[in-house]
Amino acid sequence: MAPKKHDFVSAIGRRKGAIARVRMSAKPVDTLTVTVNGRDFKDYFNYFDWQNSITGPLTLTGMQNRSITALVNGGGIKAQADAMRLGISRALLLIDAELRATLKKAGYLTRDPRIKERKKPGLKRARRAPQWSKR
């Protein structure tokens, strides 16, 4: 008996402390449905730029008719949106590898490595020293 082919693909996106586990339908559906932590993505990411960031890879590749479910945690809401964008881009690559050049040129496959710098001893934050007093 041949192994069953799944009708979805999974990918992970990360940004700062945020991790997004994205699951996308491999076959087209009627309309775009994006669910984040059990809620509609327009309710979860209520800022228009965050919504555009998430749907950017889909509109660029012309695959707006997908069903996407994501579990995100950690980081801030902007980092979660960026992590989800990377996860969606990686899932699109698993569906069609020929999209790599298009997504790469738009910068959707680049994982942003910037993270918060650690706090150093004797300082208030990573670089902020206590206020100096002459007398």
N, C-alpha and C. Protein backbone atom coordinates (compact mmCIF):
# COMPACT_ATOMS: atom_id res chain seq x y z
N MET A 1 0.84 -1.18 0.00
CA MET A 1 0.00 0.00 0.00
C MET A 1 0.88 1.25 0.00
N ALA A 2 0.60 2.17 -0.89
CA ALA A 2 1.40 3.38 -1.03
C ALA A 2 1.11 4.34 0.12
N PRO A 3 2.11 5.13 0.55
CA PRO A 3 1.85 6.10 1.63
C PRO A 3 0.89 7.17 1.16
N LYS A 4 0.07 7.64 2.08
CA LYS A 4 -0.93 8.65 1.77
C LYS A 4 -0.28 10.01 1.59
N LYS A 5 -0.62 10.70 0.53
CA LYS A 5 -0.08 12.04 0.30
C LYS A 5 -0.92 13.05 1.09
N HIS A 6 -0.24 13.87 1.88
CA HIS A 6 -0.95 14.85 2.69
C HIS A 6 -1.47 15.98 1.82
N ASP A 7 -2.56 16.56 2.25
CA ASP A 7 -3.12 17.69 1.51
C ASP A 7 -2.75 19.01 2.17
N PHE A 8 -1.69 19.01 2.98
CA PHE A 8 -1.19 20.24 3.58
C PHE A 8 0.33 20.16 3.71
N VAL A 9 0.95 21.33 3.87
CA VAL A 9 2.39 21.41 4.11
C VAL A 9 2.60 22.23 5.38
N SER A 10 3.67 21.92 6.09
CA SER A 10 3.98 22.63 7.33
C SER A 10 5.34 23.29 7.22
N ALA A 11 5.48 24.46 7.84
CA ALA A 11 6.76 25.17 7.85
C ALA A 11 6.83 26.02 9.13
N ILE A 12 8.04 26.37 9.51
CA ILE A 12 8.27 27.18 10.71
C ILE A 12 8.96 28.48 10.33
N GLY A 13 8.50 29.57 10.89
CA GLY A 13 9.13 30.87 10.70
C GLY A 13 9.50 31.45 12.05
N ARG A 14 10.63 32.14 12.12
CA ARG A 14 11.07 32.74 13.37
C ARG A 14 11.49 34.18 13.15
N ARG A 15 11.33 35.00 14.21
CA ARG A 15 11.79 36.39 14.19
C ARG A 15 11.89 36.85 15.63
N LYS A 16 13.08 37.30 16.05
CA LYS A 16 13.35 37.66 17.44
C LYS A 16 12.96 36.50 18.34
N GLY A 17 12.03 36.69 19.25
CA GLY A 17 11.61 35.59 20.13
C GLY A 17 10.36 34.89 19.65
N ALA A 18 9.83 35.29 18.50
CA ALA A 18 8.57 34.76 18.01
C ALA A 18 8.80 33.52 17.15
N ILE A 19 7.93 32.54 17.31
CA ILE A 19 7.96 31.33 16.50
C ILE A 19 6.56 31.12 15.93
N ALA A 20 6.48 30.90 14.62
CA ALA A 20 5.20 30.65 13.96
C ALA A 20 5.25 29.29 13.28
N ARG A 21 4.35 28.41 13.69
CA ARG A 21 4.21 27.10 13.04
C ARG A 21 3.05 27.21 12.07
N VAL A 22 3.36 27.19 10.79
CA VAL A 22 2.37 27.45 9.74
C VAL A 22 2.00 26.14 9.06
N ARG A 23 0.70 25.95 8.84
CA ARG A 23 0.19 24.78 8.12
C ARG A 23 -0.70 25.29 7.00
N MET A 24 -0.33 24.98 5.75
CA MET A 24 -1.02 25.52 4.58
C MET A 24 -1.57 24.39 3.72
N SER A 25 -2.74 24.60 3.16
CA SER A 25 -3.32 23.59 2.27
C SER A 25 -2.51 23.54 0.98
N ALA A 26 -2.20 22.33 0.53
CA ALA A 26 -1.41 22.17 -0.69
C ALA A 26 -2.26 22.42 -1.93
N LYS A 27 -3.54 22.15 -1.82
CA LYS A 27 -4.45 22.35 -2.95
C LYS A 27 -5.24 23.63 -2.75
N PRO A 28 -5.58 24.31 -3.83
CA PRO A 28 -6.36 25.55 -3.72
C PRO A 28 -7.74 25.31 -3.12
N VAL A 29 -8.23 26.30 -2.38
CA VAL A 29 -9.59 26.29 -1.84
C VAL A 29 -10.34 27.47 -2.44
N ASP A 30 -11.60 27.67 -2.02
CA ASP A 30 -12.41 28.73 -2.62
C ASP A 30 -11.87 30.13 -2.32
N THR A 31 -11.64 30.41 -1.03
CA THR A 31 -11.17 31.74 -0.64
C THR A 31 -10.02 31.61 0.35
N LEU A 32 -9.30 32.69 0.54
CA LEU A 32 -8.20 32.72 1.50
C LEU A 32 -8.77 32.74 2.91
N THR A 33 -8.36 31.76 3.72
CA THR A 33 -8.72 31.75 5.13
C THR A 33 -7.44 31.60 5.94
N VAL A 34 -7.18 32.55 6.81
CA VAL A 34 -5.99 32.53 7.66
C VAL A 34 -6.44 32.55 9.11
N THR A 35 -6.06 31.52 9.85
CA THR A 35 -6.41 31.41 11.27
C THR A 35 -5.13 31.42 12.08
N VAL A 36 -5.08 32.30 13.10
CA VAL A 36 -3.91 32.42 13.97
C VAL A 36 -4.36 32.15 15.40
N ASN A 37 -3.82 31.11 16.01
CA ASN A 37 -4.17 30.72 17.38
C ASN A 37 -5.69 30.62 17.57
N GLY A 38 -6.37 30.07 16.58
CA GLY A 38 -7.81 29.88 16.67
C GLY A 38 -8.65 31.10 16.36
N ARG A 39 -8.03 32.21 16.01
CA ARG A 39 -8.76 33.44 15.67
C ARG A 39 -8.46 33.83 14.23
N ASP A 40 -9.34 34.63 13.64
CA ASP A 40 -9.10 35.15 12.30
C ASP A 40 -7.90 36.09 12.36
N PHE A 41 -7.05 36.05 11.32
CA PHE A 41 -5.82 36.84 11.37
C PHE A 41 -6.09 38.34 11.37
N LYS A 42 -7.24 38.79 10.88
CA LYS A 42 -7.56 40.22 10.90
C LYS A 42 -7.93 40.68 12.31
N ASP A 43 -8.40 39.76 13.14
CA ASP A 43 -8.65 40.09 14.54
C ASP A 43 -7.35 40.04 15.35
N TYR A 44 -6.51 39.05 15.05
CA TYR A 44 -5.27 38.87 15.80
C TYR A 44 -4.26 39.97 15.46
N PHE A 45 -4.07 40.20 14.15
CA PHE A 45 -3.18 41.27 13.68
C PHE A 45 -4.08 42.41 13.18
N ASN A 46 -4.48 43.31 14.09
CA ASN A 46 -5.46 44.32 13.72
C ASN A 46 -4.87 45.51 12.98
N TYR A 47 -3.57 45.56 12.81
CA TYR A 47 -2.92 46.65 12.09
C TYR A 47 -2.78 46.25 10.62
N PHE A 48 -3.15 47.14 9.71
CA PHE A 48 -3.23 46.83 8.29
C PHE A 48 -1.88 46.41 7.70
N ASP A 49 -0.79 47.05 8.14
CA ASP A 49 0.54 46.70 7.62
C ASP A 49 0.95 45.29 8.02
N TRP A 50 0.54 44.84 9.21
CA TRP A 50 0.85 43.46 9.63
C TRP A 50 0.08 42.47 8.76
N GLN A 51 -1.16 42.80 8.43
CA GLN A 51 -1.97 41.92 7.57
C GLN A 51 -1.35 41.84 6.17
N ASN A 52 -0.89 42.98 5.65
CA ASN A 52 -0.24 42.98 4.33
C ASN A 52 1.07 42.22 4.36
N SER A 53 1.79 42.30 5.47
CA SER A 53 3.04 41.56 5.61
C SER A 53 2.78 40.06 5.52
N ILE A 54 1.72 39.60 6.14
CA ILE A 54 1.40 38.16 6.14
C ILE A 54 0.93 37.70 4.76
N THR A 55 0.10 38.47 4.12
CA THR A 55 -0.43 38.06 2.81
C THR A 55 0.49 38.42 1.65
N GLY A 56 1.62 39.11 1.94
CA GLY A 56 2.55 39.52 0.88
C GLY A 56 3.06 38.38 0.01
N PRO A 57 3.58 37.28 0.60
CA PRO A 57 4.06 36.18 -0.24
C PRO A 57 2.95 35.54 -1.08
N LEU A 58 1.73 35.52 -0.55
CA LEU A 58 0.61 34.92 -1.28
C LEU A 58 0.22 35.76 -2.48
N THR A 59 0.15 37.08 -2.30
CA THR A 59 -0.22 37.95 -3.42
C THR A 59 0.89 38.02 -4.46
N LEU A 60 2.15 37.96 -4.01
CA LEU A 60 3.27 38.01 -4.93
C LEU A 60 3.29 36.79 -5.85
N THR A 61 2.98 35.62 -5.29
CA THR A 61 3.01 34.39 -6.08
C THR A 61 1.67 34.05 -6.71
N GLY A 62 0.62 34.80 -6.38
CA GLY A 62 -0.70 34.54 -6.96
C GLY A 62 -1.40 33.33 -6.36
N MET A 63 -1.08 33.00 -5.12
CA MET A 63 -1.71 31.85 -4.45
C MET A 63 -2.58 32.31 -3.29
N GLN A 64 -3.50 33.25 -3.57
CA GLN A 64 -4.35 33.78 -2.52
C GLN A 64 -5.44 32.81 -2.09
N ASN A 65 -5.67 31.74 -2.83
CA ASN A 65 -6.75 30.81 -2.51
C ASN A 65 -6.21 29.60 -1.74
N ARG A 66 -5.72 29.86 -0.52
CA ARG A 66 -5.18 28.81 0.35
C ARG A 66 -5.83 28.90 1.71
N SER A 67 -5.82 27.79 2.40
CA SER A 67 -6.28 27.75 3.78
C SER A 67 -5.05 27.63 4.67
N ILE A 68 -4.87 28.59 5.58
CA ILE A 68 -3.66 28.65 6.41
C ILE A 68 -4.07 28.65 7.88
N THR A 69 -3.41 27.79 8.64
CA THR A 69 -3.58 27.77 10.09
C THR A 69 -2.21 27.96 10.71
N ALA A 70 -2.11 28.83 11.71
CA ALA A 70 -0.82 29.09 12.33
C ALA A 70 -0.94 29.12 13.84
N LEU A 71 0.08 28.61 14.50
CA LEU A 71 0.23 28.72 15.94
C LEU A 71 1.45 29.60 16.18
N VAL A 72 1.25 30.75 16.80
CA VAL A 72 2.36 31.66 17.06
C VAL A 72 2.49 31.88 18.55
N ASN A 73 3.73 32.00 19.02
CA ASN A 73 3.96 32.35 20.41
C ASN A 73 5.31 33.02 20.54
N GLY A 74 5.50 33.74 21.64
CA GLY A 74 6.75 34.43 21.91
C GLY A 74 6.86 35.74 21.15
N GLY A 75 7.78 36.58 21.61
CA GLY A 75 8.04 37.84 20.92
C GLY A 75 6.87 38.81 21.00
N GLY A 76 6.97 39.87 20.23
CA GLY A 76 5.89 40.85 20.14
C GLY A 76 5.02 40.56 18.94
N ILE A 77 3.97 41.34 18.78
CA ILE A 77 3.00 41.08 17.71
C ILE A 77 3.61 41.33 16.33
N LYS A 78 4.49 42.33 16.20
CA LYS A 78 5.15 42.60 14.92
C LYS A 78 6.10 41.47 14.56
N ALA A 79 6.85 40.98 15.55
CA ALA A 79 7.75 39.85 15.31
C ALA A 79 6.96 38.61 14.94
N GLN A 80 5.79 38.43 15.53
CA GLN A 80 4.95 37.28 15.20
C GLN A 80 4.46 37.38 13.76
N ALA A 81 4.12 38.59 13.31
CA ALA A 81 3.68 38.77 11.92
C ALA A 81 4.81 38.47 10.95
N ASP A 82 6.03 38.91 11.28
CA ASP A 82 7.18 38.64 10.42
C ASP A 82 7.54 37.16 10.42
N ALA A 83 7.41 36.51 11.57
CA ALA A 83 7.66 35.07 11.64
C ALA A 83 6.65 34.30 10.80
N MET A 84 5.42 34.76 10.83
CA MET A 84 4.38 34.11 10.03
C MET A 84 4.63 34.29 8.53
N ARG A 85 5.10 35.46 8.15
CA ARG A 85 5.42 35.71 6.75
C ARG A 85 6.51 34.76 6.27
N LEU A 86 7.54 34.55 7.08
CA LEU A 86 8.62 33.63 6.72
C LEU A 86 8.09 32.19 6.65
N GLY A 87 7.23 31.81 7.59
CA GLY A 87 6.66 30.48 7.58
C GLY A 87 5.80 30.23 6.35
N ILE A 88 5.01 31.22 5.96
CA ILE A 88 4.18 31.09 4.75
C ILE A 88 5.05 30.99 3.51
N SER A 89 6.12 31.77 3.45
CA SER A 89 7.03 31.72 2.30
C SER A 89 7.69 30.35 2.19
N ARG A 90 8.10 29.78 3.32
CA ARG A 90 8.73 28.47 3.30
C ARG A 90 7.72 27.39 2.91
N ALA A 91 6.48 27.54 3.34
CA ALA A 91 5.44 26.58 2.96
C ALA A 91 5.15 26.66 1.47
N LEU A 92 5.17 27.86 0.91
CA LEU A 92 4.96 28.01 -0.54
C LEU A 92 6.06 27.31 -1.33
N LEU A 93 7.29 27.35 -0.81
CA LEU A 93 8.39 26.66 -1.48
C LEU A 93 8.18 25.15 -1.50
N LEU A 94 7.59 24.61 -0.44
CA LEU A 94 7.33 23.17 -0.41
C LEU A 94 6.25 22.78 -1.41
N ILE A 95 5.33 23.70 -1.70
CA ILE A 95 4.29 23.43 -2.68
C ILE A 95 4.85 23.53 -4.10
N ASP A 96 5.61 24.61 -4.37
CA ASP A 96 6.16 24.83 -5.71
C ASP A 96 7.57 25.41 -5.57
N ALA A 97 8.59 24.61 -5.86
CA ALA A 97 9.98 25.03 -5.69
C ALA A 97 10.40 26.10 -6.70
N GLU A 98 9.65 26.26 -7.78
CA GLU A 98 10.00 27.26 -8.80
C GLU A 98 9.73 28.69 -8.33
N LEU A 99 9.04 28.85 -7.21
CA LEU A 99 8.75 30.18 -6.68
C LEU A 99 9.94 30.78 -5.94
N ARG A 100 11.01 30.00 -5.76
CA ARG A 100 12.15 30.42 -4.95
C ARG A 100 12.75 31.75 -5.42
N ALA A 101 12.97 31.89 -6.71
CA ALA A 101 13.59 33.12 -7.23
C ALA A 101 12.71 34.34 -6.95
N THR A 102 11.40 34.19 -7.12
CA THR A 102 10.47 35.30 -6.89
C THR A 102 10.46 35.71 -5.43
N LEU A 103 10.35 34.72 -4.55
CA LEU A 103 10.30 35.01 -3.11
C LEU A 103 11.63 35.55 -2.60
N LYS A 104 12.72 35.01 -3.12
CA LYS A 104 14.06 35.44 -2.68
C LYS A 104 14.31 36.89 -3.08
N LYS A 105 13.90 37.25 -4.30
CA LYS A 105 14.11 38.62 -4.79
C LYS A 105 13.32 39.63 -3.95
N ALA A 106 12.13 39.23 -3.49
CA ALA A 106 11.31 40.12 -2.66
C ALA A 106 11.79 40.16 -1.21
N GLY A 107 12.71 39.27 -0.83
CA GLY A 107 13.26 39.25 0.52
C GLY A 107 12.42 38.47 1.51
N TYR A 108 11.51 37.63 1.03
CA TYR A 108 10.64 36.89 1.93
C TYR A 108 11.28 35.62 2.50
N LEU A 109 12.40 35.19 1.96
CA LEU A 109 13.04 33.97 2.45
C LEU A 109 14.20 34.27 3.40
N THR A 110 14.46 35.53 3.66
CA THR A 110 15.57 35.91 4.53
C THR A 110 15.09 35.96 5.97
N ARG A 111 15.76 35.21 6.85
CA ARG A 111 15.43 35.22 8.27
C ARG A 111 16.20 36.37 8.90
N ASP A 112 15.50 37.32 9.49
CA ASP A 112 16.13 38.49 10.10
C ASP A 112 16.84 38.06 11.39
N PRO A 113 18.18 38.12 11.45
CA PRO A 113 18.89 37.57 12.60
C PRO A 113 18.97 38.50 13.81
N ARG A 114 18.45 39.72 13.70
CA ARG A 114 18.61 40.67 14.81
C ARG A 114 17.78 40.25 16.02
N ILE A 115 18.44 40.16 17.17
CA ILE A 115 17.75 39.83 18.42
C ILE A 115 18.19 40.82 19.49
N LYS A 116 17.51 40.79 20.60
CA LYS A 116 17.83 41.70 21.70
C LYS A 116 19.19 41.35 22.28
N GLU A 117 19.99 42.39 22.52
CA GLU A 117 21.32 42.20 23.09
C GLU A 117 21.20 41.95 24.59
N ARG A 118 22.05 41.09 25.13
CA ARG A 118 21.97 40.74 26.54
C ARG A 118 22.39 41.91 27.43
N LYS A 119 21.86 41.92 28.65
CA LYS A 119 22.22 42.92 29.64
C LYS A 119 23.59 42.59 30.22
N LYS A 120 24.45 43.63 30.37
CA LYS A 120 25.78 43.44 30.93
C LYS A 120 25.78 43.81 32.41
N PRO A 121 26.65 43.17 33.21
CA PRO A 121 26.72 43.50 34.63
C PRO A 121 27.21 44.93 34.85
N GLY A 122 26.63 45.60 35.83
CA GLY A 122 27.02 46.97 36.15
C GLY A 122 26.28 48.01 35.33
N LEU A 123 25.51 47.56 34.33
CA LEU A 123 24.73 48.48 33.49
C LEU A 123 23.25 48.26 33.75
N LYS A 124 22.45 49.26 33.38
CA LYS A 124 21.01 49.15 33.58
C LYS A 124 20.36 48.31 32.48
N ARG A 125 20.85 48.44 31.25
CA ARG A 125 20.38 47.61 30.13
C ARG A 125 21.62 47.10 29.41
N ALA A 126 21.50 46.78 28.14
CA ALA A 126 22.64 46.24 27.41
C ALA A 126 23.80 47.23 27.35
N ARG A 127 23.49 48.51 27.12
CA ARG A 127 24.55 49.51 27.00
C ARG A 127 24.33 50.73 27.88
N ARG A 128 23.16 50.86 28.47
CA ARG A 128 22.82 52.04 29.27
C ARG A 128 23.50 51.98 30.63
N ALA A 129 24.44 52.90 30.85
CA ALA A 129 25.16 52.96 32.12
C ALA A 129 24.37 53.80 33.11
N PRO A 130 24.61 53.63 34.41
CA PRO A 130 23.94 54.50 35.40
C PRO A 130 24.37 55.95 35.18
N GLN A 131 23.51 56.87 35.54
CA GLN A 131 23.79 58.28 35.34
C GLN A 131 25.03 58.68 36.14
N TRP A 132 25.94 59.41 35.50
CA TRP A 132 27.19 59.79 36.14
C TRP A 132 27.00 61.12 36.85
N SER A 133 27.48 61.21 38.07
CA SER A 133 27.38 62.43 38.84
C SER A 133 28.79 62.91 39.18
N LYS A 134 29.07 64.17 38.89
CA LYS A 134 30.41 64.69 39.15
C LYS A 134 30.67 64.80 40.64
N ARG A 135 29.69 65.21 41.42
CA ARG A 135 29.86 65.32 42.89
C ARG A 135 28.75 64.61 43.61
